């Protein structure tokens, strides 16, 4: 965040920002795999997750 607040996009890309993005992408993959395994192995969790996603989609305006 320090790079973002004090530099232009081009300057931040020369620093550690790209590595931080790579790390975040890799971390998100692990988190998604964990979530996937939890939802596929527990029907009740999967049902609750489906309800949550439905409610989020039903209450947001995606027309823009």
PDB file of N, CA and C in Angstrom:
ATOM      1  N   UNK A   1       0.841  -1.191   0.000  1.00  0.00           N
ATOM      2  CA  UNK A   1       0.000   0.000   0.000  1.00  0.00           C
ATOM      3  C   UNK A   1       0.880   1.245   0.000  1.00  0.00           C
ATOM      4  N   UNK A   2       2.042   1.148   0.607  1.00  0.00           N
ATOM      5  CA  UNK A   2       2.956   2.275   0.637  1.00  0.00           C
ATOM      6  C   UNK A   2       3.376   2.657  -0.775  1.00  0.00           C
ATOM      7  N   UNK A   3       3.686   1.661  -1.614  1.00  0.00           N
ATOM      8  CA  UNK A   3       4.063   1.944  -2.998  1.00  0.00           C
ATOM      9  C   UNK A   3       2.917   2.592  -3.764  1.00  0.00           C
ATOM     10  N   UNK A   4       1.715   2.126  -3.509  1.00  0.00           N
ATOM     11  CA  UNK A   4       0.551   2.658  -4.229  1.00  0.00           C
ATOM     12  C   UNK A   4       0.287   4.104  -3.849  1.00  0.00           C
ATOM     13  N   UNK A   5       0.395   4.413  -2.568  1.00  0.00           N
ATOM     14  CA  UNK A   5       0.069   5.773  -2.125  1.00  0.00           C
ATOM     15  C   UNK A   5       1.139   6.803  -2.484  1.00  0.00           C
ATOM     16  N   UNK A   6       2.363   6.354  -2.739  1.00  0.00           N
ATOM     17  CA  UNK A   6       3.449   7.310  -2.953  1.00  0.00           C
ATOM     18  C   UNK A   6       4.032   7.303  -4.353  1.00  0.00           C
ATOM     19  N   UNK A   7       3.517   6.457  -5.226  1.00  0.00           N
ATOM     20  CA  UNK A   7       4.100   6.334  -6.561  1.00  0.00           C
ATOM     21  C   UNK A   7       3.028   6.270  -7.634  1.00  0.00           C
ATOM     22  N   UNK A   8       3.468   6.534  -8.850  1.00  0.00           N
ATOM     23  CA  UNK A   8       2.583   6.319  -9.995  1.00  0.00           C
ATOM     24  C   UNK A   8       2.495   4.818 -10.256  1.00  0.00           C
ATOM     25  N   UNK A   9       1.579   4.405 -11.091  1.00  0.00           N
ATOM     26  CA  UNK A   9       1.454   2.995 -11.458  1.00  0.00           C
ATOM     27  C   UNK A   9       2.771   2.476 -12.034  1.00  0.00           C
ATOM     28  N   UNK A  10       3.359   3.240 -12.925  1.00  0.00           N
ATOM     29  CA  UNK A  10       4.595   2.809 -13.568  1.00  0.00           C
ATOM     30  C   UNK A  10       5.727   2.636 -12.549  1.00  0.00           C
ATOM     31  N   UNK A  11       5.833   3.544 -11.597  1.00  0.00           N
ATOM     32  CA  UNK A  11       6.868   3.437 -10.577  1.00  0.00           C
ATOM     33  C   UNK A  11       6.640   2.222  -9.679  1.00  0.00           C
ATOM     34  N   UNK A  12       5.395   1.992  -9.286  1.00  0.00           N
ATOM     35  CA  UNK A  12       5.080   0.853  -8.414  1.00  0.00           C
ATOM     36  C   UNK A  12       5.398  -0.468  -9.108  1.00  0.00           C
ATOM     37  N   UNK A  13       5.175  -0.531 -10.414  1.00  0.00           N
ATOM     38  CA  UNK A  13       5.446  -1.764 -11.157  1.00  0.00           C
ATOM     39  C   UNK A  13       6.934  -2.088 -11.176  1.00  0.00           C
ATOM     40  N   UNK A  14       7.782  -1.088 -10.986  1.00  0.00           N
ATOM     41  CA  UNK A  14       9.229  -1.318 -10.946  1.00  0.00           C
ATOM     42  C   UNK A  14       9.678  -1.851  -9.590  1.00  0.00           C
ATOM     43  N   UNK A  15       8.854  -1.684  -8.576  1.00  0.00           N
ATOM     44  CA  UNK A  15       9.192  -2.138  -7.224  1.00  0.00           C
ATOM     45  C   UNK A  15       8.677  -3.530  -6.951  1.00  0.00           C
ATOM     46  N   UNK A  16       8.235  -3.757  -5.727  1.00  0.00           N
ATOM     47  CA  UNK A  16       7.792  -5.080  -5.284  1.00  0.00           C
ATOM     48  C   UNK A  16       6.331  -5.372  -5.582  1.00  0.00           C
ATOM     49  N   UNK A  17       5.619  -4.455  -6.226  1.00  0.00           N
ATOM     50  CA  UNK A  17       4.187  -4.627  -6.450  1.00  0.00           C
ATOM     51  C   UNK A  17       3.880  -5.888  -7.258  1.00  0.00           C
ATOM     52  N   UNK A  18       4.635  -6.121  -8.317  1.00  0.00           N
ATOM     53  CA  UNK A  18       4.376  -7.301  -9.161  1.00  0.00           C
ATOM     54  C   UNK A  18       4.581  -8.594  -8.379  1.00  0.00           C
ATOM     55  N   UNK A  19       5.609  -8.653  -7.552  1.00  0.00           N
ATOM     56  CA  UNK A  19       5.828  -9.843  -6.721  1.00  0.00           C
ATOM     57  C   UNK A  19       4.711 -10.002  -5.704  1.00  0.00           C
ATOM     58  N   UNK A  20       4.264  -8.893  -5.119  1.00  0.00           N
ATOM     59  CA  UNK A  20       3.160  -8.956  -4.162  1.00  0.00           C
ATOM     60  C   UNK A  20       1.899  -9.481  -4.845  1.00  0.00           C
ATOM     61  N   UNK A  21       1.667  -9.093  -6.091  1.00  0.00           N
ATOM     62  CA  UNK A  21       0.510  -9.595  -6.837  1.00  0.00           C
ATOM     63  C   UNK A  21       0.647 -11.097  -7.084  1.00  0.00           C
ATOM     64  N   UNK A  22       1.829 -11.534  -7.492  1.00  0.00           N
ATOM     65  CA  UNK A  22       2.049 -12.966  -7.702  1.00  0.00           C
ATOM     66  C   UNK A  22       1.794 -13.753  -6.419  1.00  0.00           C
ATOM     67  N   UNK A  23       2.305 -13.245  -5.314  1.00  0.00           N
ATOM     68  CA  UNK A  23       2.097 -13.913  -4.022  1.00  0.00           C
ATOM     69  C   UNK A  23       0.614 -13.971  -3.659  1.00  0.00           C
ATOM     70  N   UNK A  24      -0.105 -12.880  -3.895  1.00  0.00           N
ATOM     71  CA  UNK A  24      -1.537 -12.843  -3.581  1.00  0.00           C
ATOM     72  C   UNK A  24      -2.316 -13.834  -4.448  1.00  0.00           C
ATOM     73  N   UNK A  25      -1.941 -13.946  -5.706  1.00  0.00           N
ATOM     74  CA  UNK A  25      -2.607 -14.897  -6.605  1.00  0.00           C
ATOM     75  C   UNK A  25      -2.370 -16.335  -6.144  1.00  0.00           C
ATOM     76  N   UNK A  26      -1.140 -16.631  -5.775  1.00  0.00           N
ATOM     77  CA  UNK A  26      -0.826 -17.976  -5.303  1.00  0.00           C
ATOM     78  C   UNK A  26      -1.563 -18.268  -3.996  1.00  0.00           C
ATOM     79  N   UNK A  27      -1.602 -17.308  -3.077  1.00  0.00           N
ATOM     80  CA  UNK A  27      -2.310 -17.496  -1.817  1.00  0.00           C
ATOM     81  C   UNK A  27      -3.802 -17.695  -2.045  1.00  0.00           C
ATOM     82  N   UNK A  28      -4.361 -16.954  -3.001  1.00  0.00           N
ATOM     83  CA  UNK A  28      -5.793 -17.093  -3.253  1.00  0.00           C
ATOM     84  C   UNK A  28      -6.114 -18.470  -3.836  1.00  0.00           C
ATOM     85  N   UNK A  29      -5.195 -19.024  -4.607  1.00  0.00           N
ATOM     86  CA  UNK A  29      -5.403 -20.362  -5.159  1.00  0.00           C
ATOM     87  C   UNK A  29      -5.516 -21.384  -4.042  1.00  0.00           C
ATOM     88  N   UNK A  30      -4.632 -21.280  -3.062  1.00  0.00           N
ATOM     89  CA  UNK A  30      -4.671 -22.207  -1.926  1.00  0.00           C
ATOM     90  C   UNK A  30      -5.968 -22.040  -1.137  1.00  0.00           C
ATOM     91  N   UNK A  31      -6.381 -20.797  -0.932  1.00  0.00           N
ATOM     92  CA  UNK A  31      -7.621 -20.538  -0.193  1.00  0.00           C
ATOM     93  C   UNK A  31      -8.827 -21.077  -0.950  1.00  0.00           C
ATOM     94  N   UNK A  32      -8.844 -20.895  -2.279  1.00  0.00           N
ATOM     95  CA  UNK A  32      -9.964 -21.389  -3.081  1.00  0.00           C
ATOM     96  C   UNK A  32     -10.012 -22.916  -3.075  1.00  0.00           C
ATOM     97  N   UNK A  33      -8.861 -23.547  -3.150  1.00  0.00           N
ATOM     98  CA  UNK A  33      -8.835 -25.010  -3.099  1.00  0.00           C
ATOM     99  C   UNK A  33      -9.355 -25.513  -1.754  1.00  0.00           C
ATOM    100  N   UNK A  34      -8.969 -24.849  -0.685  1.00  0.00           N
ATOM    101  CA  UNK A  34      -9.441 -25.222   0.643  1.00  0.00           C
ATOM    102  C   UNK A  34     -10.960 -25.069   0.730  1.00  0.00           C
ATOM    103  N   UNK A  35     -11.449 -23.937   0.242  1.00  0.00           N
ATOM    104  CA  UNK A  35     -12.899 -23.696   0.268  1.00  0.00           C
ATOM    105  C   UNK A  35     -13.624 -24.739  -0.580  1.00  0.00           C
ATOM    106  N   UNK A  36     -13.081 -25.027  -1.739  1.00  0.00           N
ATOM    107  CA  UNK A  36     -13.707 -26.012  -2.624  1.00  0.00           C
ATOM    108  C   UNK A  36     -13.828 -27.369  -1.925  1.00  0.00           C
ATOM    109  N   UNK A  37     -12.755 -27.802  -1.279  1.00  0.00           N
ATOM    110  CA  UNK A  37     -12.779 -29.094  -0.611  1.00  0.00           C
ATOM    111  C   UNK A  37     -13.776 -29.112   0.547  1.00  0.00           C
ATOM    112  N   UNK A  38     -13.861 -28.013   1.277  1.00  0.00           N
ATOM    113  CA  UNK A  38     -14.827 -27.937   2.376  1.00  0.00           C
ATOM    114  C   UNK A  38     -16.257 -28.024   1.855  1.00  0.00           C
ATOM    115  N   UNK A  39     -16.537 -27.289   0.789  1.00  0.00           N
ATOM    116  CA  UNK A  39     -17.901 -27.260   0.252  1.00  0.00           C
ATOM    117  C   UNK A  39     -18.292 -28.582  -0.397  1.00  0.00           C
ATOM    118  N   UNK A  40     -17.348 -29.223  -1.061  1.00  0.00           N
ATOM    119  CA  UNK A  40     -17.656 -30.492  -1.710  1.00  0.00           C
ATOM    120  C   UNK A  40     -17.778 -31.643  -0.722  1.00  0.00           C
ATOM    121  N   UNK A  41     -17.149 -31.501   0.428  1.00  0.00           N
ATOM    122  CA  UNK A  41     -17.194 -32.595   1.397  1.00  0.00           C
ATOM    123  C   UNK A  41     -18.274 -32.425   2.462  1.00  0.00           C
ATOM    124  N   UNK A  42     -18.929 -31.267   2.481  1.00  0.00           N
ATOM    125  CA  UNK A  42     -19.948 -31.010   3.506  1.00  0.00           C
ATOM    126  C   UNK A  42     -21.189 -30.406   2.850  1.00  0.00           C
ATOM    127  N   UNK A  43     -22.197 -31.229   2.557  1.00  0.00           N
ATOM    128  CA  UNK A  43     -23.401 -30.741   1.872  1.00  0.00           C
ATOM    129  C   UNK A  43     -24.079 -29.571   2.589  1.00  0.00           C
ATOM    130  N   UNK A  44     -24.057 -29.544   3.912  1.00  0.00           N
ATOM    131  CA  UNK A  44     -24.699 -28.451   4.653  1.00  0.00           C
ATOM    132  C   UNK A  44     -23.953 -27.134   4.403  1.00  0.00           C
ATOM    133  N   UNK A  45     -22.630 -27.186   4.421  1.00  0.00           N
ATOM    134  CA  UNK A  45     -21.845 -25.987   4.111  1.00  0.00           C
ATOM    135  C   UNK A  45     -22.113 -25.533   2.685  1.00  0.00           C
ATOM    136  N   UNK A  46     -22.177 -26.478   1.766  1.00  0.00           N
ATOM    137  CA  UNK A  46     -22.433 -26.150   0.364  1.00  0.00           C
ATOM    138  C   UNK A  46     -23.804 -25.493   0.206  1.00  0.00           C
ATOM    139  N   UNK A  47     -24.793 -26.009   0.913  1.00  0.00           N
ATOM    140  CA  UNK A  47     -26.137 -25.442   0.843  1.00  0.00           C
ATOM    141  C   UNK A  47     -26.146 -24.020   1.403  1.00  0.00           C
ATOM    142  N   UNK A  48     -25.493 -23.809   2.542  1.00  0.00           N
ATOM    143  CA  UNK A  48     -25.433 -22.470   3.132  1.00  0.00           C
ATOM    144  C   UNK A  48     -24.682 -21.495   2.233  1.00  0.00           C
ATOM    145  N   UNK A  49     -23.600 -21.967   1.601  1.00  0.00           N
ATOM    146  CA  UNK A  49     -22.842 -21.125   0.687  1.00  0.00           C
ATOM    147  C   UNK A  49     -23.697 -20.751  -0.524  1.00  0.00           C
ATOM    148  N   UNK A  50     -24.432 -21.711  -1.046  1.00  0.00           N
ATOM    149  CA  UNK A  50     -25.315 -21.439  -2.189  1.00  0.00           C
ATOM    150  C   UNK A  50     -26.370 -20.398  -1.835  1.00  0.00           C
ATOM    151  N   UNK A  51     -26.927 -20.494  -0.647  1.00  0.00           N
ATOM    152  CA  UNK A  51     -27.919 -19.511  -0.207  1.00  0.00           C
ATOM    153  C   UNK A  51     -27.297 -18.127  -0.093  1.00  0.00           C
ATOM    154  N   UNK A  52     -26.089 -18.067   0.441  1.00  0.00           N
ATOM    155  CA  UNK A  52     -25.397 -16.791   0.577  1.00  0.00           C
ATOM    156  C   UNK A  52     -25.134 -16.159  -0.780  1.00  0.00           C
ATOM    157  N   UNK A  53     -24.639 -16.946  -1.720  1.00  0.00           N
ATOM    158  CA  UNK A  53     -24.369 -16.435  -3.067  1.00  0.00           C
ATOM    159  C   UNK A  53     -25.666 -15.971  -3.723  1.00  0.00           C
ATOM    160  N   UNK A  54     -26.722 -16.746  -3.585  1.00  0.00           N
ATOM    161  CA  UNK A  54     -28.010 -16.340  -4.152  1.00  0.00           C
ATOM    162  C   UNK A  54     -28.449 -15.002  -3.578  1.00  0.00           C
ATOM    163  N   UNK A  55     -28.387 -14.867  -2.255  1.00  0.00           N
ATOM    164  CA  UNK A  55     -28.809 -13.618  -1.608  1.00  0.00           C
ATOM    165  C   UNK A  55     -27.968 -12.434  -2.079  1.00  0.00           C
ATOM    166  N   UNK A  56     -26.666 -12.627  -2.213  1.00  0.00           N
ATOM    167  CA  UNK A  56     -25.805 -11.547  -2.697  1.00  0.00           C
ATOM    168  C   UNK A  56     -26.163 -11.147  -4.125  1.00  0.00           C
ATOM    169  N   UNK A  57     -26.392 -12.136  -4.968  1.00  0.00           N
ATOM    170  CA  UNK A  57     -26.746 -11.839  -6.358  1.00  0.00           C
ATOM    171  C   UNK A  57     -28.126 -11.206  -6.471  1.00  0.00           C
ATOM    172  N   UNK A  58     -29.047 -11.654  -5.670  1.00  0.00           N
ATOM    173  CA  UNK A  58     -30.418 -11.151  -5.725  1.00  0.00           C
ATOM    174  C   UNK A  58     -30.541  -9.722  -5.220  1.00  0.00           C
ATOM    175  N   UNK A  59     -29.619  -9.308  -4.363  1.00  0.00           N
ATOM    176  CA  UNK A  59     -29.720  -7.983  -3.743  1.00  0.00           C
ATOM    177  C   UNK A  59     -28.721  -6.981  -4.308  1.00  0.00           C
ATOM    178  N   UNK A  60     -28.071  -7.297  -5.421  1.00  0.00           N
ATOM    179  CA  UNK A  60     -27.149  -6.369  -6.060  1.00  0.00           C
ATOM    180  C   UNK A  60     -27.645  -6.021  -7.439  1.00  0.00           C
ATOM    181  N   UNK A  61     -27.329  -4.815  -7.858  1.00  0.00           N
ATOM    182  CA  UNK A  61     -27.719  -4.340  -9.174  1.00  0.00           C
ATOM    183  C   UNK A  61     -26.535  -4.510 -10.111  1.00  0.00           C
ATOM    184  N   UNK A  62     -26.620  -5.493 -11.009  1.00  0.00           N
ATOM    185  CA  UNK A  62     -25.546  -5.754 -11.943  1.00  0.00           C
ATOM    186  C   UNK A  62     -25.868  -5.200 -13.340  1.00  0.00           C
ATOM    187  N   UNK A  63     -26.778  -4.262 -13.424  1.00  0.00           N
ATOM    188  CA  UNK A  63     -27.193  -3.737 -14.729  1.00  0.00           C
ATOM    189  C   UNK A  63     -26.205  -2.725 -15.299  1.00  0.00           C
ATOM    190  N   UNK A  64     -25.228  -2.305 -14.500  1.00  0.00           N
ATOM    191  CA  UNK A  64     -24.268  -1.299 -14.992  1.00  0.00           C
ATOM    192  C   UNK A  64     -23.129  -1.941 -15.719  1.00  0.00           C
TER     193      UNK A  64
END
